[in-house]
Amino acid sequence: MKVTDHNIRWQGMAIRIRHVSRWSGTDFDHIEVLTTEPERAPLPITETGYRSHFLHSEDLQAHGGAVAFVLAWLDHDAKGKAWQAHLLTSRQLSLF
């Protein structure tokens, strides 16, 4: 089991990715995604700014590793209606 931390920026936000390979001696890897700036800001993959995800080690490597996987996941889900609506409402001033 190996633990690796990566810090990335995506759409102006700082994000920490923690990758645990072969979690608990299994064929699964564990990824944690946490928005650090702004702290706990929503992402397309989580409304709370934190996401825990397990996937087969081989699948993660096929996607190019933890950073490439998370970036592709964020970019993919950012195209969805929910994230687009979030962006729209976060840009508008609210009177209430």
Protein backbone atom coordinates (compact mmCIF):
# COMPACT_ATOMS: atom_id res chain seq x y z
CA MET A 1 0.00 0.00 0.00
CA LYS A 2 1.40 3.36 -1.05
CA VAL A 3 -0.12 6.79 -0.23
CA THR A 4 0.51 9.72 -2.56
CA ASP A 5 -0.77 13.29 -2.25
CA HIS A 6 -1.14 15.58 -5.25
CA ASN A 7 -2.12 19.24 -5.29
CA ILE A 8 -3.75 20.56 -8.45
CA ARG A 9 -5.65 23.61 -9.62
CA TRP A 10 -8.89 23.26 -11.54
CA GLN A 11 -11.03 26.20 -12.65
CA GLY A 12 -9.31 28.47 -10.12
CA MET A 13 -9.74 26.10 -7.17
CA ALA A 14 -6.98 24.30 -5.26
CA ILE A 15 -7.69 20.60 -4.88
CA ARG A 16 -5.86 17.88 -2.98
CA ILE A 17 -5.96 14.35 -4.35
CA ARG A 18 -4.90 11.56 -2.00
CA HIS A 19 -4.29 8.24 -3.73
CA VAL A 20 -3.90 4.98 -1.83
CA SER A 21 -2.78 2.17 -4.11
CA ARG A 22 -3.85 -1.40 -3.37
CA TRP A 23 -6.07 -0.25 -0.51
CA SER A 24 -5.85 -2.72 2.41
CA GLY A 25 -4.06 -5.25 0.22
CA THR A 26 -6.89 -5.47 -2.33
CA ASP A 27 -6.93 -4.88 -6.09
CA PHE A 28 -8.69 -1.57 -5.45
CA ASP A 29 -7.23 1.91 -5.22
CA HIS A 30 -8.78 4.64 -3.09
CA ILE A 31 -8.93 8.27 -4.15
CA GLU A 32 -9.94 11.19 -1.94
CA VAL A 33 -10.65 14.55 -3.57
CA LEU A 34 -10.78 17.62 -1.33
CA THR A 35 -11.19 21.27 -2.28
CA THR A 36 -8.68 23.25 -0.20
CA GLU A 37 -9.11 26.74 -1.69
CA PRO A 38 -11.75 27.86 -1.29
CA GLU A 39 -12.05 25.35 1.51
CA ARG A 40 -14.70 22.68 0.86
CA ALA A 41 -15.98 24.47 -2.26
CA PRO A 42 -18.39 22.36 -4.34
CA LEU A 43 -17.07 20.50 -7.36
CA PRO A 44 -18.94 18.80 -10.19
CA ILE A 45 -18.29 15.47 -8.45
CA THR A 46 -19.30 16.59 -4.94
CA GLU A 47 -21.51 19.26 -3.40
CA THR A 48 -19.50 19.18 -0.16
CA GLY A 49 -15.99 19.65 -1.53
CA TYR A 50 -15.00 16.11 -0.50
CA ARG A 51 -15.29 12.84 -2.39
CA SER A 52 -14.07 9.34 -1.61
CA HIS A 53 -13.92 6.86 -4.49
CA PHE A 54 -12.71 3.28 -4.96
CA LEU A 55 -11.80 1.74 -8.31
CA HIS A 56 -9.78 -1.17 -9.63
CA SER A 57 -6.06 -0.44 -9.71
CA GLU A 58 -5.88 -1.47 -13.38
CA ASP A 59 -8.68 0.96 -14.32
CA LEU A 60 -6.90 3.84 -12.62
CA GLN A 61 -3.66 3.09 -14.41
CA ALA A 62 -5.53 2.82 -17.73
CA HIS A 63 -6.70 6.41 -17.15
CA GLY A 64 -3.12 7.62 -16.59
CA GLY A 65 -3.04 7.68 -12.80
CA ALA A 66 -4.86 9.54 -10.04
CA VAL A 67 -4.37 13.11 -11.28
CA ALA A 68 -5.35 12.35 -14.88
CA PHE A 69 -8.37 10.36 -13.69
CA VAL A 70 -9.66 13.11 -11.38
CA LEU A 71 -9.10 15.85 -13.97
CA ALA A 72 -11.00 13.86 -16.61
CA TRP A 73 -13.77 13.13 -14.08
CA LEU A 74 -14.09 16.82 -13.17
CA ASP A 75 -14.07 17.93 -16.81
CA HIS A 76 -16.67 15.32 -17.75
CA ASP A 77 -19.07 16.12 -14.91
CA ALA A 78 -18.57 19.88 -15.39
CA LYS A 79 -20.44 19.54 -18.69
CA GLY A 80 -23.56 18.35 -16.86
CA LYS A 81 -26.66 20.41 -16.25
CA ALA A 82 -26.25 20.44 -12.47
CA TRP A 83 -22.77 21.98 -12.58
CA GLN A 84 -23.76 24.47 -15.27
CA ALA A 85 -26.71 25.55 -13.11
CA HIS A 86 -24.39 25.88 -10.11
CA LEU A 87 -22.04 28.12 -12.08
CA LEU A 88 -24.90 30.28 -13.27
CA THR A 89 -26.38 30.80 -9.80
CA SER A 90 -22.98 31.38 -8.19
CA ARG A 91 -22.25 34.19 -10.66
CA GLN A 92 -25.57 35.94 -10.03
CA LEU A 93 -26.11 38.20 -7.08
CA SER A 94 -28.94 37.15 -4.83
CA LEU A 95 -31.27 39.58 -3.08
CA PHE A 96 -32.39 36.94 -0.60
